[in-house]
Amino acid sequence: MILLPTRGIAARQRAVTQHHIDIDVFADWIEGSVLFEDIEVSVTDVVDVLLEEELYQNQDFAREIAQVAWLEIEQRKKHSGGYYGVVIDGNWVKRSGDATNQTAHKFLLTLSLAVSYDWWRNAFGANYTEQGRHFESLTEMAISALTPGWSVFSTGWKGGTANSHFLSVAA
């Protein structure tokens, strides 16, 4: 599995009677482990990591937060319009389909997880303008593919070059 994020999970205090995990970061970490490591991840795997990292001391309590993450991943898949890079198969999260078709999902996970790793911020800085431009480009391509016949225009990412025709297009 990929390293636990330093923000949202690992940097929190030990959970004894209350969960101290950001469920979005936690679900991203599970999905990232599946897609970046090309492995299948079980509830037991997740519980074991939480116990080994001493974030939880009670197996049942750790299992509870893992099951919440499973529900979050199911919700994400439901809202994705049918295709999602991972699937829930009982107590397992598995890659869905061919890995070459998961580039967009991996990219979005990278963007989402980047802010949760201190080493990322130290290595690349806290300015996410470049990633934002790539995200906007990906979004433009996705909307164009999903809505044939529509005219799709980039509005420009903060810090980037704005579309000079934005006001006339948006009006």
N, C-alpha and C. Protein backbone atom coordinates (compact mmCIF):
# COMPACT_ATOMS: atom_id res chain seq x y z
N MET A 1 0.85 -1.18 0.00
CA MET A 1 0.00 0.00 0.00
C MET A 1 0.89 1.24 0.00
N ILE A 2 0.37 2.34 -0.55
CA ILE A 2 1.15 3.57 -0.54
C ILE A 2 1.25 4.09 0.89
N LEU A 3 2.21 4.96 1.12
CA LEU A 3 2.40 5.53 2.45
C LEU A 3 1.15 6.27 2.91
N LEU A 4 0.88 6.19 4.19
CA LEU A 4 -0.24 6.95 4.74
C LEU A 4 0.04 8.44 4.60
N PRO A 5 -0.95 9.23 4.23
CA PRO A 5 -0.76 10.68 4.18
C PRO A 5 -0.40 11.23 5.56
N THR A 6 0.41 12.28 5.57
CA THR A 6 0.79 12.90 6.83
C THR A 6 -0.27 13.87 7.33
N ARG A 7 -1.18 14.24 6.48
CA ARG A 7 -2.30 15.11 6.87
C ARG A 7 -3.60 14.38 6.59
N GLY A 8 -4.52 14.46 7.52
CA GLY A 8 -5.81 13.82 7.33
C GLY A 8 -5.89 12.42 7.90
N ILE A 9 -4.74 11.77 8.07
CA ILE A 9 -4.72 10.43 8.65
C ILE A 9 -3.60 10.32 9.68
N ALA A 10 -2.39 10.20 9.21
CA ALA A 10 -1.27 9.85 10.10
C ALA A 10 -0.91 10.95 11.10
N ALA A 11 -1.14 12.18 10.77
CA ALA A 11 -0.74 13.26 11.66
C ALA A 11 -1.74 13.48 12.80
N ARG A 12 -2.80 12.76 12.78
CA ARG A 12 -3.83 12.91 13.82
C ARG A 12 -3.48 12.11 15.06
N GLN A 13 -4.21 12.39 16.12
CA GLN A 13 -4.01 11.64 17.37
C GLN A 13 -4.59 10.24 17.26
N ARG A 14 -4.20 9.40 18.16
CA ARG A 14 -4.65 8.01 18.18
C ARG A 14 -6.15 7.95 18.48
N ALA A 15 -6.86 7.16 17.69
CA ALA A 15 -8.31 7.02 17.87
C ALA A 15 -8.60 5.95 18.91
N VAL A 16 -9.26 6.36 19.98
CA VAL A 16 -9.62 5.41 21.03
C VAL A 16 -11.14 5.31 21.14
N THR A 17 -11.80 6.46 21.25
CA THR A 17 -13.27 6.47 21.34
C THR A 17 -13.89 7.33 20.25
N GLN A 18 -13.07 8.04 19.49
CA GLN A 18 -13.56 8.91 18.43
C GLN A 18 -12.60 8.81 17.24
N HIS A 19 -13.17 8.75 16.02
CA HIS A 19 -12.35 8.68 14.81
C HIS A 19 -11.73 10.05 14.56
N HIS A 20 -10.46 10.05 14.18
CA HIS A 20 -9.73 11.29 13.87
C HIS A 20 -9.18 11.23 12.45
N ILE A 21 -9.97 10.70 11.55
CA ILE A 21 -9.54 10.52 10.16
C ILE A 21 -10.46 11.31 9.25
N ASP A 22 -9.85 12.03 8.31
CA ASP A 22 -10.61 12.71 7.26
C ASP A 22 -11.00 11.62 6.25
N ILE A 23 -12.28 11.32 6.17
CA ILE A 23 -12.74 10.18 5.36
C ILE A 23 -12.41 10.36 3.88
N ASP A 24 -12.40 11.59 3.38
CA ASP A 24 -12.05 11.82 1.98
C ASP A 24 -10.59 11.44 1.72
N VAL A 25 -9.70 11.87 2.59
CA VAL A 25 -8.28 11.54 2.46
C VAL A 25 -8.09 10.03 2.60
N PHE A 26 -8.81 9.44 3.55
CA PHE A 26 -8.71 8.00 3.80
C PHE A 26 -9.14 7.20 2.58
N ALA A 27 -10.28 7.57 1.99
CA ALA A 27 -10.77 6.88 0.80
C ALA A 27 -9.81 7.09 -0.38
N ASP A 28 -9.27 8.31 -0.51
CA ASP A 28 -8.27 8.57 -1.56
C ASP A 28 -7.06 7.66 -1.38
N TRP A 29 -6.62 7.51 -0.14
CA TRP A 29 -5.45 6.67 0.15
C TRP A 29 -5.72 5.21 -0.25
N ILE A 30 -6.91 4.72 0.05
CA ILE A 30 -7.26 3.34 -0.31
C ILE A 30 -7.30 3.19 -1.83
N GLU A 31 -8.00 4.12 -2.51
CA GLU A 31 -8.07 4.07 -3.97
C GLU A 31 -6.68 4.21 -4.59
N GLY A 32 -5.88 5.12 -4.04
CA GLY A 32 -4.52 5.30 -4.55
C GLY A 32 -3.68 4.04 -4.39
N SER A 33 -3.85 3.36 -3.27
CA SER A 33 -3.12 2.11 -3.05
C SER A 33 -3.48 1.09 -4.12
N VAL A 34 -4.75 1.01 -4.45
CA VAL A 34 -5.22 0.06 -5.46
C VAL A 34 -4.69 0.45 -6.85
N LEU A 35 -4.83 1.71 -7.21
CA LEU A 35 -4.49 2.13 -8.57
C LEU A 35 -2.99 2.33 -8.79
N PHE A 36 -2.29 2.92 -7.82
CA PHE A 36 -0.86 3.19 -8.01
C PHE A 36 0.00 1.96 -7.77
N GLU A 37 -0.41 1.11 -6.86
CA GLU A 37 0.36 -0.09 -6.55
C GLU A 37 -0.13 -1.31 -7.33
N ASP A 38 -1.26 -1.17 -8.03
CA ASP A 38 -1.87 -2.26 -8.78
C ASP A 38 -2.08 -3.48 -7.89
N ILE A 39 -2.74 -3.24 -6.76
CA ILE A 39 -3.04 -4.31 -5.81
C ILE A 39 -4.52 -4.27 -5.46
N GLU A 40 -4.97 -5.31 -4.82
CA GLU A 40 -6.31 -5.33 -4.24
C GLU A 40 -6.15 -5.09 -2.75
N VAL A 41 -7.06 -4.32 -2.17
CA VAL A 41 -6.96 -3.96 -0.76
C VAL A 41 -8.21 -4.44 -0.04
N SER A 42 -8.01 -5.13 1.06
CA SER A 42 -9.14 -5.63 1.85
C SER A 42 -9.35 -4.76 3.09
N VAL A 43 -10.53 -4.89 3.67
CA VAL A 43 -10.81 -4.22 4.94
C VAL A 43 -9.76 -4.64 5.96
N THR A 44 -9.42 -5.91 5.98
CA THR A 44 -8.42 -6.42 6.92
C THR A 44 -7.06 -5.76 6.70
N ASP A 45 -6.67 -5.56 5.43
CA ASP A 45 -5.41 -4.87 5.13
C ASP A 45 -5.39 -3.48 5.74
N VAL A 46 -6.49 -2.76 5.56
CA VAL A 46 -6.60 -1.39 6.06
C VAL A 46 -6.56 -1.38 7.58
N VAL A 47 -7.31 -2.27 8.20
CA VAL A 47 -7.33 -2.37 9.66
C VAL A 47 -5.92 -2.68 10.17
N ASP A 48 -5.22 -3.60 9.53
CA ASP A 48 -3.86 -3.95 9.94
C ASP A 48 -2.93 -2.73 9.90
N VAL A 49 -3.02 -1.93 8.84
CA VAL A 49 -2.18 -0.73 8.74
C VAL A 49 -2.51 0.24 9.87
N LEU A 50 -3.79 0.45 10.13
CA LEU A 50 -4.19 1.38 11.19
C LEU A 50 -3.66 0.92 12.56
N LEU A 51 -3.67 -0.38 12.78
CA LEU A 51 -3.16 -0.91 14.05
C LEU A 51 -1.63 -0.86 14.10
N GLU A 52 -0.98 -1.24 13.00
CA GLU A 52 0.48 -1.23 12.95
C GLU A 52 1.06 0.17 13.11
N GLU A 53 0.37 1.15 12.54
CA GLU A 53 0.83 2.54 12.63
C GLU A 53 0.40 3.18 13.96
N GLU A 54 -0.25 2.40 14.79
CA GLU A 54 -0.72 2.82 16.12
C GLU A 54 -1.67 4.02 16.06
N LEU A 55 -2.44 4.07 14.98
CA LEU A 55 -3.49 5.08 14.88
C LEU A 55 -4.75 4.61 15.59
N TYR A 56 -4.89 3.30 15.70
CA TYR A 56 -6.01 2.67 16.41
C TYR A 56 -5.43 1.60 17.32
N GLN A 57 -6.11 1.37 18.43
CA GLN A 57 -5.68 0.28 19.31
C GLN A 57 -6.69 -0.84 19.34
N ASN A 58 -7.90 -0.58 18.84
CA ASN A 58 -8.97 -1.57 18.87
C ASN A 58 -9.32 -1.97 17.44
N GLN A 59 -9.24 -3.26 17.16
CA GLN A 59 -9.49 -3.77 15.81
C GLN A 59 -10.91 -3.48 15.34
N ASP A 60 -11.90 -3.67 16.19
CA ASP A 60 -13.29 -3.42 15.80
C ASP A 60 -13.52 -1.95 15.48
N PHE A 61 -12.90 -1.07 16.25
CA PHE A 61 -13.05 0.37 16.01
C PHE A 61 -12.37 0.76 14.70
N ALA A 62 -11.23 0.17 14.42
CA ALA A 62 -10.54 0.42 13.15
C ALA A 62 -11.36 -0.12 11.98
N ARG A 63 -11.99 -1.27 12.17
CA ARG A 63 -12.83 -1.86 11.13
C ARG A 63 -14.02 -0.94 10.82
N GLU A 64 -14.53 -0.29 11.84
CA GLU A 64 -15.66 0.63 11.66
C GLU A 64 -15.30 1.76 10.70
N ILE A 65 -14.13 2.39 10.87
CA ILE A 65 -13.75 3.49 9.98
C ILE A 65 -13.42 2.96 8.59
N ALA A 66 -12.88 1.75 8.50
CA ALA A 66 -12.61 1.15 7.19
C ALA A 66 -13.91 0.94 6.43
N GLN A 67 -14.95 0.50 7.13
CA GLN A 67 -16.24 0.28 6.47
C GLN A 67 -16.87 1.60 6.03
N VAL A 68 -16.63 2.67 6.79
CA VAL A 68 -17.10 3.99 6.36
C VAL A 68 -16.40 4.39 5.06
N ALA A 69 -15.11 4.08 4.96
CA ALA A 69 -14.37 4.38 3.73
C ALA A 69 -14.93 3.58 2.55
N TRP A 70 -15.30 2.31 2.80
CA TRP A 70 -15.89 1.48 1.74
C TRP A 70 -17.19 2.14 1.24
N LEU A 71 -17.99 2.64 2.16
CA LEU A 71 -19.24 3.32 1.77
C LEU A 71 -18.94 4.58 0.96
N GLU A 72 -17.92 5.32 1.37
CA GLU A 72 -17.54 6.53 0.64
C GLU A 72 -17.11 6.18 -0.79
N ILE A 73 -16.35 5.14 -0.95
CA ILE A 73 -15.91 4.73 -2.28
C ILE A 73 -17.10 4.29 -3.13
N GLU A 74 -18.04 3.59 -2.53
CA GLU A 74 -19.27 3.20 -3.25
C GLU A 74 -20.04 4.44 -3.70
N GLN A 75 -20.14 5.45 -2.83
CA GLN A 75 -20.84 6.69 -3.19
C GLN A 75 -20.13 7.39 -4.34
N ARG A 76 -18.84 7.44 -4.30
CA ARG A 76 -18.07 8.06 -5.38
C ARG A 76 -18.34 7.35 -6.70
N LYS A 77 -18.33 6.03 -6.66
CA LYS A 77 -18.60 5.26 -7.87
C LYS A 77 -20.00 5.56 -8.39
N LYS A 78 -20.95 5.61 -7.50
CA LYS A 78 -22.34 5.89 -7.87
C LYS A 78 -22.46 7.26 -8.55
N HIS A 79 -21.73 8.25 -8.04
CA HIS A 79 -21.81 9.61 -8.59
C HIS A 79 -20.94 9.81 -9.83
N SER A 80 -20.16 8.80 -10.19
CA SER A 80 -19.25 8.95 -11.32
C SER A 80 -19.93 8.70 -12.67
N GLY A 81 -21.17 8.29 -12.65
CA GLY A 81 -21.87 8.04 -13.89
C GLY A 81 -21.63 6.64 -14.43
N GLY A 82 -21.22 5.74 -13.59
CA GLY A 82 -21.08 4.35 -14.02
C GLY A 82 -19.66 3.86 -14.11
N TYR A 83 -18.73 4.70 -14.56
CA TYR A 83 -17.35 4.23 -14.65
C TYR A 83 -16.54 4.83 -13.51
N TYR A 84 -15.79 3.99 -12.86
CA TYR A 84 -14.90 4.43 -11.80
C TYR A 84 -13.69 3.52 -11.81
N GLY A 85 -12.56 4.00 -11.42
CA GLY A 85 -11.31 3.24 -11.50
C GLY A 85 -11.21 2.06 -10.57
N VAL A 86 -12.06 2.04 -9.53
CA VAL A 86 -12.05 0.94 -8.57
C VAL A 86 -13.47 0.46 -8.33
N VAL A 87 -13.58 -0.77 -7.87
CA VAL A 87 -14.88 -1.34 -7.50
C VAL A 87 -14.76 -1.97 -6.12
N ILE A 88 -15.89 -2.01 -5.45
CA ILE A 88 -15.98 -2.72 -4.18
C ILE A 88 -16.50 -4.12 -4.49
N ASP A 89 -15.78 -5.11 -4.00
CA ASP A 89 -16.19 -6.50 -4.16
C ASP A 89 -16.17 -7.13 -2.77
N GLY A 90 -17.28 -6.99 -2.07
CA GLY A 90 -17.35 -7.47 -0.69
C GLY A 90 -16.43 -6.67 0.20
N ASN A 91 -15.46 -7.34 0.80
CA ASN A 91 -14.50 -6.67 1.68
C ASN A 91 -13.24 -6.23 0.96
N TRP A 92 -13.29 -6.18 -0.36
CA TRP A 92 -12.13 -5.82 -1.16
C TRP A 92 -12.41 -4.60 -2.01
N VAL A 93 -11.37 -3.77 -2.21
CA VAL A 93 -11.40 -2.72 -3.23
C VAL A 93 -10.44 -3.20 -4.31
N LYS A 94 -10.95 -3.25 -5.54
CA LYS A 94 -10.17 -3.77 -6.66
C LYS A 94 -10.19 -2.77 -7.81
N ARG A 95 -9.19 -2.88 -8.65
CA ARG A 95 -9.14 -2.08 -9.87
C ARG A 95 -10.26 -2.54 -10.80
N SER A 96 -10.89 -1.60 -11.47
CA SER A 96 -11.92 -1.98 -12.44
C SER A 96 -11.38 -1.80 -13.84
N GLY A 97 -11.47 -2.84 -14.63
CA GLY A 97 -11.06 -2.74 -16.03
C GLY A 97 -9.57 -2.63 -16.23
N ASP A 98 -9.21 -2.13 -17.39
CA ASP A 98 -7.84 -2.02 -17.85
C ASP A 98 -7.16 -0.80 -17.23
N ALA A 99 -5.96 -0.97 -16.72
CA ALA A 99 -5.23 0.11 -16.06
C ALA A 99 -4.97 1.29 -16.99
N THR A 100 -4.86 1.04 -18.29
CA THR A 100 -4.59 2.14 -19.21
C THR A 100 -5.76 3.10 -19.32
N ASN A 101 -6.95 2.66 -18.94
CA ASN A 101 -8.12 3.52 -19.00
C ASN A 101 -8.35 4.27 -17.69
N GLN A 102 -7.40 4.20 -16.77
CA GLN A 102 -7.59 4.83 -15.47
C GLN A 102 -6.70 6.05 -15.27
N THR A 103 -6.17 6.59 -16.34
CA THR A 103 -5.26 7.72 -16.26
C THR A 103 -5.92 8.92 -15.59
N ALA A 104 -7.14 9.24 -15.97
CA ALA A 104 -7.82 10.40 -15.39
C ALA A 104 -8.04 10.21 -13.89
N HIS A 105 -8.47 9.03 -13.50
CA HIS A 105 -8.71 8.76 -12.07
C HIS A 105 -7.41 8.89 -11.29
N LYS A 106 -6.33 8.35 -11.82
CA LYS A 106 -5.03 8.44 -11.15
C LYS A 106 -4.58 9.90 -11.04
N PHE A 107 -4.79 10.65 -12.09
CA PHE A 107 -4.42 12.06 -12.07
C PHE A 107 -5.19 12.81 -10.99
N LEU A 108 -6.50 12.60 -10.95
CA LEU A 108 -7.32 13.28 -9.95
C LEU A 108 -6.95 12.86 -8.53
N LEU A 109 -6.63 11.59 -8.34
CA LEU A 109 -6.17 11.13 -7.03
C LEU A 109 -4.85 11.80 -6.65
N THR A 110 -3.97 11.95 -7.62
CA THR A 110 -2.70 12.62 -7.36
C THR A 110 -2.94 14.05 -6.90
N LEU A 111 -3.82 14.76 -7.59
CA LEU A 111 -4.15 16.13 -7.18
C LEU A 111 -4.73 16.16 -5.78
N SER A 112 -5.64 15.26 -5.52
CA SER A 112 -6.32 15.24 -4.23
C SER A 112 -5.37 14.87 -3.10
N LEU A 113 -4.53 13.88 -3.32
CA LEU A 113 -3.63 13.41 -2.27
C LEU A 113 -2.42 14.33 -2.05
N ALA A 114 -2.04 15.10 -3.05
CA ALA A 114 -0.83 15.92 -2.95
C ALA A 114 -0.82 16.80 -1.71
N VAL A 115 -1.94 17.40 -1.40
CA VAL A 115 -1.99 18.32 -0.25
C VAL A 115 -1.92 17.57 1.08
N SER A 116 -2.06 16.26 1.05
CA SER A 116 -2.06 15.47 2.28
C SER A 116 -0.69 14.89 2.64
N TYR A 117 0.30 15.14 1.80
CA TYR A 117 1.65 14.64 2.06
C TYR A 117 2.61 15.82 2.23
N ASP A 118 3.21 15.93 3.40
CA ASP A 118 4.16 17.01 3.66
C ASP A 118 5.35 16.95 2.70
N TRP A 119 5.83 15.73 2.38
CA TRP A 119 6.98 15.61 1.50
C TRP A 119 6.68 16.18 0.11
N TRP A 120 5.42 16.06 -0.33
CA TRP A 120 5.03 16.59 -1.65
C TRP A 120 5.17 18.11 -1.63
N ARG A 121 4.62 18.71 -0.59
CA ARG A 121 4.68 20.16 -0.44
C ARG A 121 6.14 20.62 -0.38
N ASN A 122 6.98 19.89 0.36
CA ASN A 122 8.39 20.25 0.48
C ASN A 122 9.12 20.10 -0.85
N ALA A 123 8.79 19.08 -1.62
CA ALA A 123 9.47 18.82 -2.89
C ALA A 123 8.99 19.73 -4.02
N PHE A 124 7.68 20.00 -4.05
CA PHE A 124 7.11 20.72 -5.19
C PHE A 124 6.53 22.08 -4.84
N GLY A 125 6.49 22.41 -3.56
CA GLY A 125 5.92 23.68 -3.14
C GLY A 125 4.41 23.59 -2.99
N ALA A 126 3.85 24.63 -2.43
CA ALA A 126 2.41 24.64 -2.15
C ALA A 126 1.61 25.32 -3.25
N ASN A 127 2.25 25.70 -4.35
CA ASN A 127 1.55 26.34 -5.46
C ASN A 127 1.02 25.26 -6.39
N TYR A 128 -0.29 25.16 -6.49
CA TYR A 128 -0.90 24.10 -7.29
C TYR A 128 -1.41 24.61 -8.64
N THR A 129 -0.84 25.72 -9.11
CA THR A 129 -1.30 26.30 -10.38
C THR A 129 -1.10 25.35 -11.54
N GLU A 130 0.06 24.73 -11.62
CA GLU A 130 0.34 23.80 -12.73
C GLU A 130 -0.64 22.63 -12.72
N GLN A 131 -0.85 22.04 -11.54
CA GLN A 131 -1.80 20.94 -11.44
C GLN A 131 -3.21 21.43 -11.79
N GLY A 132 -3.53 22.63 -11.38
CA GLY A 132 -4.85 23.20 -11.68
C GLY A 132 -5.07 23.36 -13.17
N ARG A 133 -4.04 23.79 -13.87
CA ARG A 133 -4.17 23.92 -15.34
C ARG A 133 -4.40 22.56 -15.98
N HIS A 134 -3.68 21.55 -15.49
CA HIS A 134 -3.89 20.20 -16.03
C HIS A 134 -5.30 19.69 -15.70
N PHE A 135 -5.76 19.98 -14.49
CA PHE A 135 -7.12 19.59 -14.10
C PHE A 135 -8.14 20.26 -15.02
N GLU A 136 -7.96 21.54 -15.28
CA GLU A 136 -8.89 22.24 -16.15
C GLU A 136 -8.87 21.66 -17.57
N SER A 137 -7.70 21.32 -18.05
CA SER A 137 -7.58 20.72 -19.38
C SER A 137 -8.30 19.37 -19.42
N LEU A 138 -8.10 18.57 -18.39
CA LEU A 138 -8.77 17.27 -18.30
C LEU A 138 -10.29 17.46 -18.27
N THR A 139 -10.74 18.42 -17.49
CA THR A 139 -12.18 18.69 -17.38
C THR A 139 -12.74 19.13 -18.73
N GLU A 140 -12.02 19.98 -19.42
CA GLU A 140 -12.46 20.43 -20.74
C GLU A 140 -12.60 19.25 -21.71
N MET A 141 -11.62 18.35 -21.70
CA MET A 141 -11.69 17.18 -22.58
C MET A 141 -12.85 16.27 -22.20
N ALA A 142 -13.06 16.08 -20.90
CA ALA A 142 -14.14 15.20 -20.45
C ALA A 142 -15.50 15.75 -20.82
N ILE A 143 -15.70 17.04 -20.60
CA ILE A 143 -16.99 17.65 -20.93
C ILE A 143 -17.23 17.61 -22.43
N SER A 144 -16.19 17.86 -23.21
CA SER A 144 -16.32 17.79 -24.68
C SER A 144 -16.72 16.39 -25.12
N ALA A 145 -16.13 15.37 -24.50
CA ALA A 145 -16.45 13.98 -24.86
C ALA A 145 -17.85 13.59 -24.42
N LEU A 146 -18.30 14.11 -23.28
CA LEU A 146 -19.61 13.74 -22.74
C LEU A 146 -20.76 14.52 -23.37
N THR A 147 -20.45 15.66 -23.95
CA THR A 147 -21.51 16.52 -24.49
C THR A 147 -21.21 16.91 -25.93
N PRO A 148 -21.29 15.95 -26.86
CA PRO A 148 -21.02 16.27 -28.26
C PRO A 148 -21.98 17.36 -28.74
N GLY A 149 -21.47 18.26 -29.53
CA GLY A 149 -22.30 19.34 -30.04
C GLY A 149 -22.23 20.60 -29.19
N TRP A 150 -21.75 20.48 -27.99
CA TRP A 150 -21.58 21.66 -27.14
C TRP A 150 -20.25 22.32 -27.48
N SER A 151 -20.19 23.62 -27.29
CA SER A 151 -18.92 24.33 -27.39
C SER A 151 -18.37 24.46 -25.98
N VAL A 152 -17.19 23.95 -25.76
CA VAL A 152 -16.57 23.97 -24.44
C VAL A 152 -15.34 24.87 -24.51
N PHE A 153 -15.25 25.81 -23.57
CA PHE A 153 -14.13 26.74 -23.53
C PHE A 153 -13.47 26.71 -22.17
N SER A 154 -12.18 26.80 -22.18
CA SER A 154 -11.42 26.92 -20.95
C SER A 154 -11.52 28.36 -20.45
N THR A 155 -11.76 28.52 -19.17
CA THR A 155 -11.86 29.88 -18.60
C THR A 155 -10.53 30.36 -18.07
N GLY A 156 -9.58 29.48 -17.95
CA GLY A 156 -8.27 29.85 -17.41
C GLY A 156 -8.21 29.54 -15.93
N TRP A 157 -7.10 29.00 -15.51
CA TRP A 157 -6.90 28.64 -14.11
C TRP A 157 -6.28 29.82 -13.38
N LYS A 158 -6.63 29.99 -12.12
CA LYS A 158 -6.06 31.08 -11.32
C LYS A 158 -4.54 31.04 -11.43
N GLY A 159 -3.97 32.15 -11.79
CA GLY A 159 -2.52 32.21 -11.94
C GLY A 159 -2.08 31.86 -13.36
N GLY A 160 -3.00 31.35 -14.15
CA GLY A 160 -2.68 31.00 -15.52
C GLY A 160 -3.20 32.06 -16.47
N THR A 161 -3.17 31.75 -17.74
CA THR A 161 -3.64 32.67 -18.75
C THR A 161 -5.14 32.47 -18.94
N ALA A 162 -5.91 33.51 -18.73
CA ALA A 162 -7.36 33.43 -18.86
C ALA A 162 -7.74 33.48 -20.33
N ASN A 163 -8.87 32.90 -20.65
CA ASN A 163 -9.42 32.94 -22.00
C ASN A 163 -9.85 34.38 -22.28
N SER A 164 -9.27 34.99 -23.28
CA SER A 164 -9.55 36.40 -23.58
C SER A 164 -10.98 36.63 -24.02
N HIS A 165 -11.69 35.58 -24.43
CA HIS A 165 -13.07 35.72 -24.88
C HIS A 165 -14.06 35.28 -23.82
N PHE A 166 -13.60 35.10 -22.58
CA PHE A 166 -14.45 34.56 -21.52
C PHE A 166 -15.75 35.35 -21.34
N LEU A 167 -15.66 36.66 -21.25
CA LEU A 167 -16.87 37.46 -20.99
C LEU A 167 -17.88 37.34 -22.12
N SER A 168 -17.43 37.30 -23.37
CA SER A 168 -18.37 37.18 -24.47
C SER A 168 -18.96 35.78 -24.54
N VAL A 169 -18.20 34.77 -24.15
CA VAL A 169 -18.68 33.40 -24.16
C VAL A 169 -19.68 33.18 -23.03
N ALA A 170 -19.40 33.72 -21.86
CA ALA A 170 -20.24 33.51 -20.68
C ALA A 170 -21.50 34.35 -20.72
N ALA A 171 -21.53 35.38 -21.51
CA ALA A 171 -22.68 36.29 -21.54
C ALA A 171 -23.88 35.68 -22.21
